[in-house]
Protein backbone atom coordinates (compact mmCIF):
# COMPACT_ATOMS: atom_id res chain seq x y z
CA MET A 1 0.00 0.00 0.00
CA LYS A 2 2.88 2.34 0.83
CA ASN A 3 4.36 1.73 -2.60
CA ILE A 4 1.11 2.67 -4.32
CA PHE A 5 0.85 5.96 -2.42
CA LEU A 6 4.52 6.69 -3.05
CA SER A 7 4.09 6.00 -6.78
CA VAL A 8 1.00 8.21 -7.04
CA PHE A 9 2.79 11.00 -5.14
CA LEU A 10 5.87 10.85 -7.38
CA LEU A 11 3.76 10.79 -10.56
CA THR A 12 1.77 13.81 -9.35
CA LEU A 13 4.96 15.67 -8.43
CA GLY A 14 6.45 14.90 -11.84
CA TYR A 15 3.29 16.10 -13.60
CA VAL A 16 3.31 19.40 -11.69
CA ALA A 17 7.00 19.97 -12.54
CA VAL A 18 6.38 19.37 -16.25
CA ALA A 19 3.25 21.54 -16.35
CA GLN A 20 4.97 24.71 -15.12
CA ASP A 21 5.35 27.56 -17.59
CA VAL A 22 8.90 28.78 -18.22
CA ALA A 23 10.45 31.57 -20.24
CA THR A 24 13.28 30.80 -22.66
CA ILE A 25 15.36 33.41 -24.47
CA SER A 26 16.72 32.75 -27.97
CA PHE A 27 18.94 35.31 -29.73
CA ASP A 28 19.24 35.59 -33.52
CA THR A 29 22.99 36.00 -32.97
CA LEU A 30 25.30 36.11 -29.96
CA VAL A 31 27.99 38.15 -31.75
CA ILE A 32 27.72 41.42 -33.68
CA ASP A 33 30.68 42.31 -35.85
CA TYR A 34 30.97 46.05 -36.47
CA GLY A 35 33.68 45.35 -39.01
CA GLN A 36 35.90 48.35 -39.69
CA ILE A 37 34.08 51.60 -38.96
CA SER A 38 35.23 55.22 -38.89
CA LYS A 39 35.78 57.22 -35.76
CA GLY A 40 32.54 58.97 -34.83
CA ALA A 41 30.35 56.54 -36.83
CA ASP A 42 27.01 55.29 -35.53
CA GLY A 43 27.85 52.84 -32.75
CA VAL A 44 24.30 51.58 -32.13
CA ARG A 45 23.52 47.92 -32.84
CA GLN A 46 20.68 45.61 -31.78
CA PHE A 47 20.60 42.02 -30.58
CA LYS A 48 17.19 40.61 -31.53
CA PHE A 49 15.74 37.89 -29.30
CA THR A 50 12.55 35.85 -29.03
CA ASN A 51 10.81 34.39 -26.00
CA THR A 52 10.53 30.75 -27.10
CA GLY A 53 9.11 29.66 -23.74
CA THR A 54 5.59 29.49 -22.37
CA ALA A 55 5.78 32.25 -19.71
CA ASP A 56 6.50 35.98 -19.86
CA LEU A 57 10.20 36.80 -20.18
CA GLU A 58 11.59 39.57 -18.00
CA ILE A 59 15.05 40.97 -18.70
CA THR A 60 16.21 41.90 -15.20
CA GLN A 61 19.67 43.28 -15.93
CA VAL A 62 22.00 44.00 -18.85
CA ARG A 63 25.65 44.80 -18.03
CA SER A 64 28.62 45.72 -20.16
CA SER A 65 32.25 44.79 -19.57
CA CYS A 66 33.26 48.43 -20.17
CA GLY A 67 31.91 51.96 -19.75
CA CYS A 68 32.48 52.53 -23.48
CA THR A 69 29.53 50.22 -24.24
CA ILE A 70 26.04 51.20 -23.09
CA PRO A 71 23.36 48.50 -23.27
CA LYS A 72 19.63 49.21 -23.10
CA LYS A 73 17.12 46.54 -22.11
CA PRO A 74 13.38 46.33 -22.77
CA GLU A 75 11.38 47.61 -19.80
CA ALA A 76 8.25 45.54 -20.40
CA ALA A 77 7.94 41.77 -20.16
CA VAL A 78 8.13 39.87 -23.46
CA ALA A 79 5.20 37.51 -24.03
CA PRO A 80 5.70 33.92 -25.22
CA GLY A 81 6.40 33.92 -28.97
CA ALA A 82 7.12 37.66 -29.05
CA SER A 83 10.42 39.31 -29.98
CA ASP A 84 12.28 42.40 -28.80
CA VAL A 85 15.82 43.83 -28.88
CA ILE A 86 18.68 44.69 -26.58
CA GLU A 87 20.28 47.84 -27.91
CA VAL A 88 24.02 48.36 -27.56
CA LYS A 89 25.81 51.65 -28.16
CA TYR A 90 29.59 51.59 -28.51
CA ASP A 91 31.59 54.82 -28.14
CA THR A 92 33.13 55.12 -31.61
CA GLU A 93 35.31 58.04 -30.50
CA ARG A 94 37.65 55.37 -29.13
CA VAL A 95 39.97 54.32 -31.93
CA GLY A 96 41.18 50.73 -32.03
CA PRO A 97 39.84 47.19 -31.73
CA ILE A 98 36.41 46.47 -30.25
CA ARG A 99 36.11 43.34 -28.08
CA LYS A 100 33.34 43.73 -25.48
CA THR A 101 30.89 41.46 -23.65
CA ILE A 102 27.31 42.28 -22.65
CA THR A 103 25.78 40.00 -20.01
CA VAL A 104 22.00 39.52 -20.01
CA ALA A 105 20.21 38.33 -16.87
CA SER A 106 16.56 37.28 -16.99
CA ASN A 107 14.01 34.88 -15.59
CA ALA A 108 14.67 32.56 -18.55
CA SER A 109 15.24 28.88 -17.87
CA ASN A 110 18.48 28.96 -19.89
CA GLY A 111 20.10 31.41 -17.43
CA MET A 112 22.47 34.25 -18.15
CA VAL A 113 23.54 34.91 -21.72
CA ALA A 114 26.81 36.52 -22.85
CA LEU A 115 26.60 38.66 -25.99
CA LYS A 116 29.70 39.94 -27.76
CA ILE A 117 30.56 42.85 -30.01
CA LYS A 118 33.73 43.07 -32.05
CA GLY A 119 35.28 45.14 -34.78
CA GLU A 120 37.67 48.05 -35.20
CA VAL A 121 37.28 51.80 -35.07
CA LEU A 122 39.59 53.49 -37.61
CA ASP A 123 40.96 57.00 -37.35
CA PRO A 124 40.39 58.61 -40.79
CA GLN A 125 43.33 60.96 -40.25
CA LYS A 126 45.88 58.14 -40.10
């Protein structure tokens, strides 16, 4: 009798765990290559993502590895199946190679995501 109750309990617990809604974030790309751009050029790029889960996705924090890169996150929750963007602005007054990481924290089941930007800012006077 104990085994029957234990089996029913475990099956019920397993069903509840499977039935929970979760958010999942999927990016179109994890790396944006600026290529070679001129000093002072437009440094704004966008990482497009989709909530491929079954619950609302909330981006809780977006951090950059450097003050020269300013990320901007969506303020509203992203519904299941919907898409949005994380905007990144790099300071193109800084001449030289670009190698930066943007870390995205959310309530998604796949945890934190690291996005990367790369490229090179060229000084037109050289």
